[in-house]
N, C-alpha and C. Protein backbone atom coordinates (compact mmCIF):
# COMPACT_ATOMS: atom_id res chain seq x y z
N MET A 1 8.01 21.18 23.55
CA MET A 1 6.77 21.48 23.65
C MET A 1 6.57 22.98 23.72
N VAL A 2 5.56 23.62 23.15
CA VAL A 2 5.45 24.93 23.27
C VAL A 2 4.51 25.32 24.63
N GLU A 3 5.00 26.03 25.58
CA GLU A 3 4.17 25.98 26.85
C GLU A 3 3.07 27.03 26.67
N ALA A 4 1.98 27.04 27.31
CA ALA A 4 1.00 27.90 27.46
C ALA A 4 1.32 29.18 28.34
N ARG A 5 0.72 30.21 27.48
CA ARG A 5 1.06 31.57 28.19
C ARG A 5 -0.31 32.32 28.21
N GLN A 6 -0.50 33.20 28.98
CA GLN A 6 -1.37 33.95 29.41
C GLN A 6 -1.87 34.62 27.95
N GLY A 7 -3.24 34.72 27.65
CA GLY A 7 -3.56 35.51 26.35
C GLY A 7 -3.17 34.88 25.18
N VAL A 8 -2.67 33.45 25.10
CA VAL A 8 -2.34 32.90 23.56
C VAL A 8 -3.39 31.95 23.71
N SER A 9 -4.01 31.69 22.59
CA SER A 9 -5.10 30.76 22.30
C SER A 9 -4.63 29.08 22.10
N GLU A 10 -5.30 28.25 22.21
CA GLU A 10 -4.83 26.90 22.20
C GLU A 10 -4.54 26.64 20.68
N LEU A 11 -5.17 27.24 19.99
CA LEU A 11 -5.08 27.12 18.24
C LEU A 11 -3.77 27.87 18.23
N ASP A 12 -3.33 28.68 18.63
CA ASP A 12 -2.16 29.53 18.25
C ASP A 12 -0.87 28.46 18.74
N LEU A 13 -1.13 27.70 20.00
CA LEU A 13 0.09 26.95 20.40
C LEU A 13 -0.08 25.76 19.45
N ALA A 14 -1.01 25.44 19.15
CA ALA A 14 -0.92 24.09 18.05
C ALA A 14 0.05 24.61 16.73
N ASP A 15 -0.57 25.66 16.47
CA ASP A 15 0.14 26.24 15.14
C ASP A 15 1.79 26.73 15.23
N ALA A 16 2.00 27.13 16.35
CA ALA A 16 3.42 27.06 16.59
C ALA A 16 4.09 25.99 16.82
N GLU A 17 3.42 24.82 17.26
CA GLU A 17 4.12 23.51 17.58
C GLU A 17 4.22 23.03 16.15
N THR A 18 3.31 22.83 15.34
CA THR A 18 3.54 22.44 13.90
C THR A 18 4.56 23.24 13.16
N ARG A 19 4.50 24.29 13.16
CA ARG A 19 5.77 24.98 12.46
C ARG A 19 6.98 24.77 12.93
N ARG A 20 7.26 24.21 14.15
CA ARG A 20 8.55 23.99 15.26
C ARG A 20 9.05 22.61 14.44
N ILE A 21 8.16 21.74 14.58
CA ILE A 21 8.45 20.44 14.10
C ILE A 21 8.56 20.45 12.49
N GLY A 22 8.29 21.22 11.78
CA GLY A 22 7.91 21.16 10.41
C GLY A 22 6.82 20.67 9.50
N VAL A 23 5.64 20.16 10.45
CA VAL A 23 4.65 19.29 9.78
C VAL A 23 3.69 20.67 9.43
N GLY A 24 3.07 20.46 8.38
CA GLY A 24 2.01 21.49 7.88
C GLY A 24 2.77 22.64 6.94
N HIS A 25 3.90 22.85 6.93
CA HIS A 25 4.53 23.93 6.26
C HIS A 25 5.65 23.28 5.21
N ASP A 26 5.81 22.10 5.20
CA ASP A 26 6.79 21.32 4.66
C ASP A 26 6.50 20.16 3.99
N PHE A 27 6.72 19.63 2.77
CA PHE A 27 5.93 18.13 2.36
C PHE A 27 7.09 17.11 2.39
N LEU A 28 8.22 17.32 3.35
CA LEU A 28 9.22 15.92 3.40
C LEU A 28 8.24 15.01 4.34
N TRP A 29 7.34 15.36 5.08
CA TRP A 29 6.48 14.40 5.60
C TRP A 29 5.87 13.54 4.93
N LEU A 30 5.33 14.16 3.72
CA LEU A 30 4.44 13.29 2.84
C LEU A 30 5.38 12.37 2.18
N GLY A 31 6.96 12.88 1.70
CA GLY A 31 7.60 12.10 1.27
C GLY A 31 8.06 10.70 1.83
N ARG A 32 8.13 10.97 3.29
CA ARG A 32 8.44 9.79 4.18
C ARG A 32 7.37 9.01 4.38
N PHE A 33 6.01 9.23 4.34
CA PHE A 33 4.80 8.32 4.23
C PHE A 33 4.95 7.70 2.63
N GLY A 34 5.53 8.33 1.82
CA GLY A 34 5.57 7.74 0.48
C GLY A 34 6.60 6.30 0.83
N ALA A 35 7.50 6.72 1.31
CA ALA A 35 8.60 5.52 1.75
C ALA A 35 7.97 4.43 2.34
N LEU A 36 6.97 4.68 3.34
CA LEU A 36 6.53 3.70 4.04
C LEU A 36 5.52 2.87 3.17
N ILE A 37 4.70 3.47 2.17
CA ILE A 37 3.83 2.95 1.24
C ILE A 37 4.66 2.04 0.41
N THR A 38 5.66 2.33 -0.08
CA THR A 38 6.48 1.43 -0.73
C THR A 38 7.10 0.34 0.02
N GLY A 39 7.48 0.31 1.01
CA GLY A 39 7.80 -0.84 1.89
C GLY A 39 6.60 -1.45 1.91
N ILE A 40 5.57 -1.41 2.36
CA ILE A 40 4.06 -2.08 2.30
C ILE A 40 3.98 -2.76 0.97
N GLY A 41 4.19 -1.85 0.03
CA GLY A 41 4.10 -2.57 -1.28
C GLY A 41 5.00 -3.55 -1.61
N ILE A 42 6.28 -3.43 -1.08
CA ILE A 42 7.03 -4.82 -1.50
C ILE A 42 7.04 -5.88 -0.58
N ILE A 43 6.33 -5.42 0.72
CA ILE A 43 5.68 -6.93 1.29
C ILE A 43 4.37 -7.47 1.03
N VAL A 44 3.87 -6.68 0.16
CA VAL A 44 2.67 -7.66 -0.23
C VAL A 44 3.02 -8.11 -1.42
N ILE A 45 3.97 -7.65 -2.29
CA ILE A 45 4.41 -8.20 -3.42
C ILE A 45 5.03 -9.88 -2.96
N SER A 46 5.64 -9.82 -1.79
CA SER A 46 6.61 -10.72 -1.49
C SER A 46 5.63 -11.88 -0.47
N ARG A 47 3.98 -11.52 -0.98
CA ARG A 47 3.47 -12.76 0.03
C ARG A 47 3.57 -14.00 -0.03
N PRO A 48 3.71 -14.61 -1.31
CA PRO A 48 3.89 -16.10 -1.30
C PRO A 48 5.20 -16.42 -0.51
N ALA A 49 6.22 -15.80 -0.56
CA ALA A 49 7.45 -16.08 0.00
C ALA A 49 7.12 -15.90 1.89
N VAL A 50 6.31 -15.03 1.70
CA VAL A 50 5.90 -14.64 3.60
C VAL A 50 5.16 -15.84 4.31
N LYS A 51 4.20 -16.13 3.08
CA LYS A 51 3.24 -17.13 3.73
C LYS A 51 3.87 -18.53 3.39
N GLY A 52 4.85 -18.76 2.87
CA GLY A 52 5.70 -19.96 2.46
C GLY A 52 5.00 -20.82 1.59
N THR A 53 4.10 -20.32 0.69
CA THR A 53 3.51 -20.93 -0.54
C THR A 53 3.92 -20.63 -1.75
N ASP A 54 3.84 -21.57 -2.58
CA ASP A 54 4.14 -20.91 -4.01
C ASP A 54 2.67 -21.06 -5.03
N THR A 55 2.91 -20.22 -5.83
CA THR A 55 1.52 -20.24 -6.51
C THR A 55 1.22 -21.49 -7.30
N LEU A 56 0.17 -22.05 -7.56
CA LEU A 56 -0.50 -23.17 -8.20
C LEU A 56 -0.13 -23.21 -9.81
N LEU A 57 0.32 -24.46 -10.42
CA LEU A 57 0.29 -24.33 -11.82
C LEU A 57 -1.05 -24.27 -12.21
N GLN A 58 -0.91 -23.65 -13.47
CA GLN A 58 -2.31 -23.51 -14.32
C GLN A 58 -2.66 -24.93 -15.10
N VAL A 59 -3.26 -25.73 -14.73
CA VAL A 59 -3.44 -27.05 -15.62
C VAL A 59 -4.93 -27.26 -16.01
N VAL A 60 -5.10 -27.25 -17.28
CA VAL A 60 -6.54 -27.37 -17.87
C VAL A 60 -6.94 -28.54 -17.59
N MET A 61 -8.37 -28.35 -16.98
CA MET A 61 -9.26 -29.52 -16.25
C MET A 61 -9.81 -30.32 -17.45
N ASP A 62 -10.75 -29.50 -18.12
CA ASP A 62 -11.49 -29.98 -19.13
C ASP A 62 -11.79 -29.01 -20.37
N GLU A 63 -12.68 -29.58 -21.14
CA GLU A 63 -13.10 -28.62 -22.31
C GLU A 63 -13.29 -27.15 -22.30
N SER A 64 -13.67 -26.85 -20.71
CA SER A 64 -14.15 -25.70 -20.63
C SER A 64 -13.19 -24.86 -20.52
N GLY A 65 -11.90 -25.01 -20.37
CA GLY A 65 -10.62 -24.05 -20.59
C GLY A 65 -10.42 -23.60 -18.99
N LEU A 66 -11.17 -23.99 -18.30
CA LEU A 66 -10.91 -23.71 -16.74
C LEU A 66 -9.73 -24.52 -15.96
N THR A 67 -8.97 -23.99 -15.20
CA THR A 67 -7.70 -24.55 -14.74
C THR A 67 -8.20 -24.97 -13.37
N SER A 68 -7.40 -25.84 -12.82
CA SER A 68 -7.57 -26.33 -11.43
C SER A 68 -7.58 -25.34 -10.19
N ASN A 69 -6.97 -24.18 -10.55
CA ASN A 69 -6.65 -22.98 -9.53
C ASN A 69 -7.65 -22.13 -9.77
N GLU A 70 -8.85 -22.30 -10.40
CA GLU A 70 -9.79 -21.41 -10.65
C GLU A 70 -11.06 -21.96 -9.74
N PRO A 71 -11.50 -21.12 -9.16
CA PRO A 71 -12.63 -21.54 -8.11
C PRO A 71 -13.91 -21.98 -8.89
N GLU A 72 -14.22 -21.38 -10.08
CA GLU A 72 -15.45 -21.33 -10.97
C GLU A 72 -15.23 -22.70 -11.45
N TYR A 73 -14.26 -23.12 -11.64
CA TYR A 73 -14.02 -25.02 -11.88
C TYR A 73 -14.55 -25.61 -10.99
N TYR A 74 -14.57 -25.50 -9.49
CA TYR A 74 -15.13 -26.36 -8.44
C TYR A 74 -16.69 -25.93 -8.32
N ARG A 75 -17.11 -24.54 -8.49
CA ARG A 75 -18.44 -24.35 -8.66
C ARG A 75 -19.11 -25.20 -9.69
N ARG A 76 -18.78 -25.12 -10.79
CA ARG A 76 -19.38 -25.93 -12.16
C ARG A 76 -19.67 -27.16 -11.54
N ARG A 77 -18.64 -28.02 -10.81
CA ARG A 77 -18.92 -29.40 -10.48
C ARG A 77 -19.40 -29.45 -9.14
N ASN A 78 -19.97 -28.70 -8.43
CA ASN A 78 -20.75 -28.42 -7.33
C ASN A 78 -19.81 -29.23 -6.07
N GLU A 79 -18.10 -28.83 -6.17
CA GLU A 79 -17.29 -29.19 -5.35
C GLU A 79 -17.11 -28.21 -4.57
N PRO A 80 -16.62 -28.31 -3.15
CA PRO A 80 -16.22 -26.94 -2.24
C PRO A 80 -14.67 -26.64 -2.71
N ILE A 81 -14.38 -25.58 -2.93
CA ILE A 81 -13.52 -24.85 -3.49
C ILE A 81 -12.07 -25.22 -2.02
N PRO A 82 -11.15 -25.91 -2.58
CA PRO A 82 -10.00 -26.10 -1.99
C PRO A 82 -9.29 -24.86 -1.17
N ASP A 83 -8.76 -24.79 0.00
CA ASP A 83 -8.09 -23.90 0.84
C ASP A 83 -7.03 -23.55 -0.21
N ALA A 84 -6.35 -24.40 -0.71
CA ALA A 84 -4.98 -23.83 -1.56
C ALA A 84 -5.29 -23.17 -2.99
N VAL A 85 -6.50 -23.31 -3.32
CA VAL A 85 -7.08 -22.37 -4.67
C VAL A 85 -7.41 -21.25 -4.00
N ILE A 86 -8.20 -20.98 -2.82
CA ILE A 86 -8.36 -19.76 -2.28
C ILE A 86 -7.24 -18.70 -1.92
N GLU A 87 -6.14 -19.51 -1.43
CA GLU A 87 -4.92 -18.65 -1.01
C GLU A 87 -4.19 -18.65 -2.33
N ASP A 88 -4.16 -19.48 -3.11
CA ASP A 88 -3.60 -19.20 -4.71
C ASP A 88 -4.00 -17.79 -5.40
N GLN A 89 -5.44 -17.74 -5.41
CA GLN A 89 -6.10 -16.45 -5.87
C GLN A 89 -5.73 -15.22 -5.11
N GLU A 90 -5.44 -15.10 -3.74
CA GLU A 90 -5.44 -14.14 -3.16
C GLU A 90 -3.77 -13.63 -3.23
N SER A 91 -2.85 -14.65 -3.25
CA SER A 91 -1.25 -14.33 -3.86
C SER A 91 -1.48 -13.68 -4.98
N ARG A 92 -2.01 -14.19 -5.93
CA ARG A 92 -2.05 -14.03 -7.43
C ARG A 92 -2.42 -12.40 -7.54
N LYS A 93 -3.49 -12.01 -6.69
CA LYS A 93 -4.21 -10.75 -6.62
C LYS A 93 -3.01 -9.52 -5.94
N ALA A 94 -2.31 -10.30 -4.91
CA ALA A 94 -1.22 -9.32 -4.14
C ALA A 94 -0.20 -9.07 -5.09
N VAL A 95 0.50 -10.35 -5.65
CA VAL A 95 1.61 -10.17 -6.57
C VAL A 95 1.29 -9.17 -7.76
N GLY A 96 0.20 -9.37 -8.74
CA GLY A 96 -0.10 -8.82 -9.63
C GLY A 96 -0.78 -7.57 -9.79
N ILE A 97 -1.48 -7.15 -8.70
CA ILE A 97 -2.21 -5.93 -8.89
C ILE A 97 -1.86 -5.27 -7.50
N LEU A 98 -2.35 -5.55 -6.43
CA LEU A 98 -2.14 -4.61 -5.48
C LEU A 98 -0.84 -4.43 -4.86
N GLY A 99 0.28 -5.33 -4.80
CA GLY A 99 1.53 -4.74 -4.54
C GLY A 99 2.25 -4.21 -5.33
N PRO A 100 2.02 -4.19 -6.79
CA PRO A 100 2.43 -2.97 -7.76
C PRO A 100 1.99 -1.81 -7.53
N LEU A 101 0.70 -1.88 -7.30
CA LEU A 101 0.10 -0.49 -7.46
C LEU A 101 0.53 0.27 -6.06
N LEU A 102 0.82 -0.42 -4.82
CA LEU A 102 0.93 0.14 -3.69
C LEU A 102 2.52 0.71 -4.07
N THR A 103 3.38 -0.21 -4.44
CA THR A 103 4.93 0.22 -4.90
C THR A 103 4.94 1.44 -5.59
N LEU A 104 4.17 1.49 -6.54
CA LEU A 104 4.12 2.45 -7.66
C LEU A 104 3.52 4.02 -7.04
N THR A 105 2.62 3.71 -6.29
CA THR A 105 2.16 4.85 -5.78
C THR A 105 2.84 5.69 -4.56
N GLY A 106 3.59 4.65 -3.91
CA GLY A 106 4.39 5.07 -2.76
C GLY A 106 5.98 5.63 -3.31
N THR A 107 6.32 5.42 -4.52
CA THR A 107 7.41 5.56 -5.09
C THR A 107 7.14 6.97 -5.59
N VAL A 108 6.09 7.23 -6.20
CA VAL A 108 5.62 8.40 -6.84
C VAL A 108 5.67 9.61 -5.85
N ILE A 109 5.05 8.99 -4.75
CA ILE A 109 5.01 10.17 -3.56
C ILE A 109 6.16 10.29 -2.91
N TRP A 110 7.07 9.42 -2.73
CA TRP A 110 8.28 9.55 -2.22
C TRP A 110 9.15 10.38 -2.97
N GLY A 111 9.24 10.02 -4.35
CA GLY A 111 10.25 11.07 -5.03
C GLY A 111 9.60 12.26 -5.45
N PHE A 112 8.14 12.67 -5.32
CA PHE A 112 7.80 14.07 -5.97
C PHE A 112 7.17 14.96 -4.87
N ALA A 113 7.10 14.08 -3.45
CA ALA A 113 6.35 15.06 -2.60
C ALA A 113 7.11 16.36 -2.27
N ASP A 114 8.56 16.49 -2.30
CA ASP A 114 9.03 17.63 -1.77
C ASP A 114 9.18 18.63 -2.88
N LEU A 115 8.54 18.27 -4.31
CA LEU A 115 8.46 19.18 -5.22
C LEU A 115 7.14 19.95 -5.11
N LEU A 116 6.38 19.40 -4.07
CA LEU A 116 5.23 20.18 -3.75
C LEU A 116 5.65 21.58 -3.14
N ASN A 117 6.71 21.48 -2.12
CA ASN A 117 6.98 22.82 -1.66
C ASN A 117 7.39 23.88 -2.78
N PHE A 118 7.60 23.71 -3.69
CA PHE A 118 7.84 24.51 -4.58
C PHE A 118 6.65 25.37 -5.03
N ALA A 119 5.56 24.17 -5.32
CA ALA A 119 4.60 24.79 -6.18
C ALA A 119 3.70 25.64 -5.02
N VAL A 120 3.65 25.13 -3.91
CA VAL A 120 2.76 25.85 -2.98
C VAL A 120 3.71 27.14 -1.97
N GLY A 121 4.89 27.11 -2.36
CA GLY A 121 5.67 28.34 -1.88
C GLY A 121 6.36 28.01 -0.58
N PHE A 122 6.71 26.94 -0.23
CA PHE A 122 7.14 26.61 1.01
C PHE A 122 9.05 26.06 0.66
N ARG A 123 9.51 27.43 -0.20
CA ARG A 123 10.68 27.09 -0.61
C ARG A 123 11.72 27.00 0.66
N ARG A 124 12.69 26.49 0.46
CA ARG A 124 13.79 26.43 1.57
C ARG A 124 15.25 27.21 0.97
């Protein structure tokens, strides 16, 4: 840690500390953040396995073409939506949209964050 000296402002001390640990003058920390986001995306993708549930089968229930795992089917029949259907919809969103989006974003950040050093001028 940088010690306070007479005549040195707090801002100068904070700037010296960030330079000492490399934050603010290098994009390696951004790359590490991308690795963290990728890991979170993989966990989100594996939501059904973590919860111990499987996605429901797509069974067409009537002429409307709605399946048994669509909340709209139960709304039209004025029946309560089963908890399993709600869980299935959340798992499908996690596996189909959110997880891949997080994983892709994290991978791009992880892979290319250090190249910002060249663009900004923090070459090593």
